[in-house]
């Protein structure tokens, strides 16, 4: 994967994160019975819109770092990010240095 592809994927992830951030307020009234809410997978695949289930506090913990993203298991891109955490509902990844500036600036 060349640098341009890595940067495109990082921009896709940042766009999904912004979409999820905008959905937070609307979802507060529609929590599921297990306390989770539906977010969109923040992977680098521009065509992915798969659901990811997390509590608001879990999502806010991921968002505390601009380099971290909430993705579905199997949607990691090891050439772009490192594994941080995995639960039965989601995986947390963190951008590597060569594309971190893209997501930190968005």
Protein backbone atom coordinates (compact mmCIF):
# COMPACT_ATOMS: atom_id res chain seq x y z
CA UNK A 1 0.00 0.00 0.00
CA UNK A 2 1.47 3.35 -0.96
CA UNK A 3 1.37 6.51 1.14
CA UNK A 4 -1.49 8.00 -0.89
CA UNK A 5 -3.69 4.96 -0.17
CA UNK A 6 -2.80 5.14 3.52
CA UNK A 7 -3.75 8.82 3.62
CA UNK A 8 -7.05 8.16 1.82
CA UNK A 9 -7.94 5.48 4.33
CA UNK A 10 -7.03 7.77 7.23
CA UNK A 11 -9.33 10.47 5.82
CA UNK A 12 -12.13 7.89 5.52
CA UNK A 13 -11.68 6.95 9.17
CA UNK A 14 -11.76 10.57 10.25
CA UNK A 15 -14.96 11.14 8.26
CA UNK A 16 -16.68 8.17 9.94
CA UNK A 17 -15.59 9.43 13.34
CA UNK A 18 -17.16 12.82 12.62
CA UNK A 19 -20.37 11.12 11.53
CA UNK A 20 -20.46 9.12 14.78
CA UNK A 21 -19.79 12.25 16.83
CA UNK A 22 -22.80 13.91 15.25
CA UNK A 23 -24.97 10.89 16.04
CA UNK A 24 -24.14 10.76 19.77
CA UNK A 25 -26.82 13.23 20.93
CA UNK A 26 -29.55 11.63 18.85
CA UNK A 27 -28.70 8.19 20.20
CA UNK A 28 -28.82 9.05 23.88
CA UNK A 29 -32.58 8.50 23.85
CA UNK A 30 -32.33 5.25 21.90
CA UNK A 31 -30.01 3.10 23.98
CA UNK A 32 -30.43 -0.63 23.58
CA UNK A 33 -31.47 -2.76 26.55
CA UNK A 34 -27.82 -3.68 27.22
CA UNK A 35 -26.85 0.01 27.46
CA UNK A 36 -25.08 0.12 24.11
CA UNK A 37 -25.74 2.41 21.18
CA UNK A 38 -25.16 1.87 17.48
CA UNK A 39 -22.12 3.53 15.92
CA UNK A 40 -20.74 3.17 12.41
CA UNK A 41 -17.51 1.24 11.96
CA UNK A 42 -14.70 3.79 11.69
CA UNK A 43 -12.47 1.61 9.49
CA UNK A 44 -10.67 2.97 6.44
CA UNK A 45 -12.97 1.26 3.92
CA UNK A 46 -14.98 4.09 2.36
CA UNK A 47 -17.80 1.66 1.57
CA UNK A 48 -18.18 0.23 5.07
CA UNK A 49 -21.18 1.33 7.10
CA UNK A 50 -21.40 -1.72 9.37
CA UNK A 51 -22.78 -1.21 12.88
CA UNK A 52 -20.58 -1.28 15.97
CA UNK A 53 -22.15 -1.45 19.43
CA UNK A 54 -20.59 0.43 22.34
CA UNK A 55 -21.70 2.30 25.43
CA UNK A 56 -21.34 6.04 25.41
CA UNK A 57 -18.53 5.87 27.96
CA UNK A 58 -16.67 3.29 25.84
CA UNK A 59 -17.00 5.48 22.77
CA UNK A 60 -15.90 8.59 24.64
CA UNK A 61 -12.83 6.71 25.93
CA UNK A 62 -11.86 5.88 22.33
CA UNK A 63 -12.49 9.48 21.24
CA UNK A 64 -10.26 10.82 24.01
CA UNK A 65 -7.34 10.27 21.63
CA UNK A 66 -7.64 11.69 18.09
CA UNK A 67 -5.53 8.76 16.85
CA UNK A 68 -7.92 6.06 18.06
CA UNK A 69 -10.86 4.55 16.21
CA UNK A 70 -13.71 2.14 16.94
CA UNK A 71 -13.91 -0.64 14.32
CA UNK A 72 -15.54 -4.01 13.88
CA UNK A 73 -13.36 -7.06 14.48
CA UNK A 74 -11.57 -7.92 11.25
CA UNK A 75 -11.68 -4.35 9.95
CA UNK A 76 -8.22 -3.47 11.24
CA UNK A 77 -5.54 -2.31 8.78
CA UNK A 78 -2.17 -3.32 10.29
CA UNK A 79 -0.27 -1.28 7.71
CA UNK A 80 -2.05 1.86 8.99
CA UNK A 81 -2.70 1.28 12.66
CA UNK A 82 -1.85 -0.73 15.72
CA UNK A 83 -4.19 -2.84 17.82
CA UNK A 84 -5.11 -1.24 21.16
CA UNK A 85 -8.03 -3.20 22.60
CA UNK A 86 -10.67 -5.73 21.65
CA UNK A 87 -14.01 -6.59 23.22
CA UNK A 88 -16.73 -8.94 22.08
CA UNK A 89 -18.41 -5.97 20.34
CA UNK A 90 -15.58 -3.88 18.86
CA UNK A 91 -11.87 -3.33 18.35
CA UNK A 92 -9.94 -0.14 19.09
CA UNK A 93 -7.06 0.77 16.78
CA UNK A 94 -4.59 3.65 16.82
CA UNK A 95 -3.07 5.36 13.80
CA UNK A 96 0.64 4.93 13.14
CA UNK A 97 2.91 7.97 12.82
CA UNK A 98 2.87 8.22 9.01
CA UNK A 99 -0.86 9.04 8.91
CA UNK A 100 -1.49 10.32 12.44
CA UNK A 101 -1.26 13.96 11.30
CA UNK A 102 -4.29 13.47 9.04
CA UNK A 103 -6.60 12.33 11.82
CA UNK A 104 -5.21 14.74 14.40
CA UNK A 105 -5.93 17.68 12.07
CA UNK A 106 -9.51 16.61 11.31
